[in-house]
Amino acid sequence: MRLRLRNAVQALLADPSIAGLKDAPKLAAVVLYAKSRAPKGEKNDNQTSIWGAELGRWLGMKESTVHHKVLPVLRGTDALHTQVKTNGKGHVTGLDCLVIPLWNARKSGGAGHPLALTKAELATLLHLIEDSVRARLDSGGQGADAAGAAGRPYG
């Protein structure tokens, strides 16, 4: 399974919409990919819902940085489509995200495409990312925002 997960992440990062990006948008794409729903024949297949603050915790950066320097970059390269989720009262409840390379893979490559992981494989990938983030935090390491904190822009 490790080889399959490695190939999936490599395929995602090699996609032209992601390949030339800085580390923070790349990591965000991987996290959103790992959190995406495996296909079950429903309208929200391949999507994930997340708060900007939650994505920021995954990336080790502030919510405002996610909203101003990570998500716009992914949207701008057509790597990510997003839609604000609201409740019945119109209050924002999150952000629906669709990682476009995954959507393209499922539509054109089917189950044989490297990005077309099963629910169990996506869960394993997410668990491995969680372990990496936890290890980074336990060791006192900085997140992907270290460059941004030093005043260097993302893009």
Protein backbone atom coordinates (compact mmCIF):
# COMPACT_ATOMS: atom_id res chain seq x y z
CA MET A 1 0.00 0.00 0.00
CA ARG A 2 2.92 2.38 0.69
CA LEU A 3 3.92 2.28 -2.96
CA ARG A 4 0.36 3.06 -4.05
CA LEU A 5 0.13 6.00 -1.62
CA ARG A 6 3.53 7.32 -2.70
CA ASN A 7 2.52 7.07 -6.36
CA ALA A 8 -0.74 8.90 -5.64
CA VAL A 9 1.00 11.78 -3.88
CA GLN A 10 3.65 11.97 -6.61
CA ALA A 11 0.94 12.01 -9.29
CA LEU A 12 -0.89 14.80 -7.48
CA LEU A 13 2.25 16.90 -7.04
CA ALA A 14 3.26 16.30 -10.68
CA ASP A 15 -0.06 17.63 -11.99
CA PRO A 16 0.61 20.81 -14.02
CA SER A 17 -1.79 22.79 -11.81
CA ILE A 18 0.30 21.98 -8.72
CA ALA A 19 3.84 21.17 -9.88
CA GLY A 20 5.27 24.69 -9.87
CA LEU A 21 3.69 25.87 -6.63
CA LYS A 22 5.40 26.67 -3.32
CA ASP A 23 5.34 24.14 -0.48
CA ALA A 24 2.31 25.48 1.43
CA PRO A 25 -0.15 25.21 -1.50
CA LYS A 26 1.29 21.79 -2.37
CA LEU A 27 0.82 20.56 1.19
CA ALA A 28 -2.70 21.98 1.23
CA ALA A 29 -3.49 20.08 -1.97
CA VAL A 30 -2.20 16.84 -0.43
CA VAL A 31 -4.19 17.36 2.80
CA LEU A 32 -7.40 18.20 0.90
CA TYR A 33 -6.82 15.21 -1.37
CA ALA A 34 -6.37 12.87 1.61
CA LYS A 35 -9.53 14.26 3.24
CA SER A 36 -11.61 13.86 0.07
CA ARG A 37 -14.53 11.45 -0.06
CA ALA A 38 -14.08 8.27 -2.02
CA PRO A 39 -16.76 7.78 -4.70
CA LYS A 40 -20.06 6.29 -3.60
CA GLY A 41 -22.19 7.56 -6.47
CA GLU A 42 -23.22 10.69 -4.57
CA LYS A 43 -23.15 14.35 -5.54
CA ASN A 44 -20.32 15.17 -3.12
CA ASP A 45 -17.97 12.37 -4.22
CA ASN A 46 -14.33 13.46 -4.32
CA GLN A 47 -15.03 16.56 -2.20
CA THR A 48 -14.10 17.52 1.30
CA SER A 49 -15.45 20.11 3.70
CA ILE A 50 -13.07 22.07 5.88
CA TRP A 51 -12.70 25.33 7.77
CA GLY A 52 -9.84 27.67 6.88
CA ALA A 53 -8.64 27.47 10.48
CA GLU A 54 -8.57 23.67 10.33
CA LEU A 55 -6.57 23.70 7.10
CA GLY A 56 -4.26 26.22 8.75
CA ARG A 57 -3.64 23.80 11.62
CA TRP A 58 -2.71 21.09 9.11
CA LEU A 59 -0.29 23.48 7.41
CA GLY A 60 1.08 25.13 10.54
CA MET A 61 -0.13 28.58 9.58
CA LYS A 62 -2.78 31.11 10.44
CA GLU A 63 -6.26 31.02 8.93
CA SER A 64 -5.73 34.39 7.26
CA THR A 65 -2.63 33.08 5.49
CA VAL A 66 -4.63 30.11 4.22
CA HIS A 67 -7.36 32.40 2.88
CA HIS A 68 -5.02 34.98 1.37
CA LYS A 69 -1.95 33.06 0.22
CA VAL A 70 -2.77 29.37 -0.15
CA LEU A 71 -6.33 28.91 -1.40
CA PRO A 72 -6.13 31.72 -3.99
CA VAL A 73 -2.99 30.16 -5.46
CA LEU A 74 -4.66 26.75 -5.77
CA ARG A 75 -7.77 28.31 -7.29
CA GLY A 76 -5.68 30.41 -9.66
CA THR A 77 -3.96 27.38 -11.17
CA ASP A 78 -7.27 25.49 -11.34
CA ALA A 79 -5.98 22.91 -8.86
CA LEU A 80 -8.90 23.55 -6.51
CA HIS A 81 -12.52 24.58 -6.77
CA THR A 82 -14.22 25.80 -3.62
CA GLN A 83 -17.68 26.76 -2.52
CA VAL A 84 -18.65 28.37 0.77
CA LYS A 85 -21.03 26.19 2.81
CA THR A 86 -23.78 27.88 4.80
CA ASN A 87 -26.50 26.66 7.12
CA GLY A 88 -30.21 27.47 6.86
CA LYS A 89 -29.64 30.85 8.50
CA GLY A 90 -26.92 31.82 6.04
CA HIS A 91 -24.05 31.37 8.51
CA VAL A 92 -20.83 30.02 7.06
CA THR A 93 -20.24 26.45 8.15
CA GLY A 94 -17.16 25.65 6.11
CA LEU A 95 -15.70 25.37 2.67
CA ASP A 96 -16.47 22.60 0.19
CA CYS A 97 -13.30 21.77 -1.71
CA LEU A 98 -12.77 19.75 -4.86
CA VAL A 99 -9.17 18.90 -5.80
CA ILE A 100 -9.39 19.12 -9.58
CA PRO A 101 -6.57 16.68 -10.44
CA LEU A 102 -8.48 14.05 -8.42
CA TRP A 103 -11.75 14.89 -10.18
CA ASN A 104 -10.03 14.69 -13.57
CA ALA A 105 -8.43 11.36 -12.66
CA ARG A 106 -11.72 9.83 -11.57
CA LYS A 107 -13.50 11.07 -14.71
CA SER A 108 -10.84 10.06 -17.23
CA GLY A 109 -8.65 7.40 -15.65
CA GLY A 110 -11.17 5.53 -13.58
CA ALA A 111 -10.15 3.22 -10.77
CA GLY A 112 -6.78 2.47 -12.41
CA HIS A 113 -5.48 6.03 -12.13
CA PRO A 114 -2.85 6.57 -9.40
CA LEU A 115 -5.01 9.29 -7.78
CA ALA A 116 -8.08 7.04 -7.58
CA LEU A 117 -7.49 5.74 -4.07
CA THR A 118 -10.12 3.78 -2.19
CA LYS A 119 -11.73 5.01 1.02
CA ALA A 120 -9.35 2.87 3.09
CA GLU A 121 -6.30 4.13 1.19
CA LEU A 122 -7.39 7.77 1.60
CA ALA A 123 -7.89 7.14 5.33
CA THR A 124 -4.41 5.62 5.59
CA LEU A 125 -2.88 8.56 3.74
CA LEU A 126 -4.64 11.00 6.06
CA HIS A 127 -3.39 9.04 9.07
CA LEU A 128 0.19 9.19 7.78
CA ILE A 129 -0.12 12.95 7.28
CA GLU A 130 -1.52 13.30 10.82
CA ASP A 131 1.47 11.37 12.17
CA SER A 132 3.87 13.61 10.22
CA VAL A 133 2.22 16.77 11.50
CA ARG A 134 2.21 15.43 15.06
CA ALA A 135 5.90 14.49 14.81
CA ARG A 136 6.74 17.95 13.46
CA LEU A 137 4.88 19.62 16.33
CA ASP A 138 6.35 17.29 18.95
CA SER A 139 9.86 18.11 17.74
CA GLY A 140 9.15 21.84 17.89
CA GLY A 141 9.39 22.16 14.11
CA GLN A 142 7.71 24.92 12.20
CA GLY A 143 4.95 24.43 9.69
CA ALA A 144 4.85 25.31 6.03
CA ASP A 145 4.37 28.94 7.10
CA ALA A 146 8.01 29.37 8.10
CA ALA A 147 8.82 31.12 4.82
CA GLY A 148 5.78 33.36 5.19
CA ALA A 149 6.69 34.21 8.77
CA ALA A 150 10.10 35.33 7.52
CA GLY A 151 8.38 37.82 5.22
CA ARG A 152 8.76 35.88 1.99
CA PRO A 153 5.55 35.65 -0.04
CA TYR A 154 3.92 32.49 -1.24
CA GLY A 155 2.87 32.17 -4.80
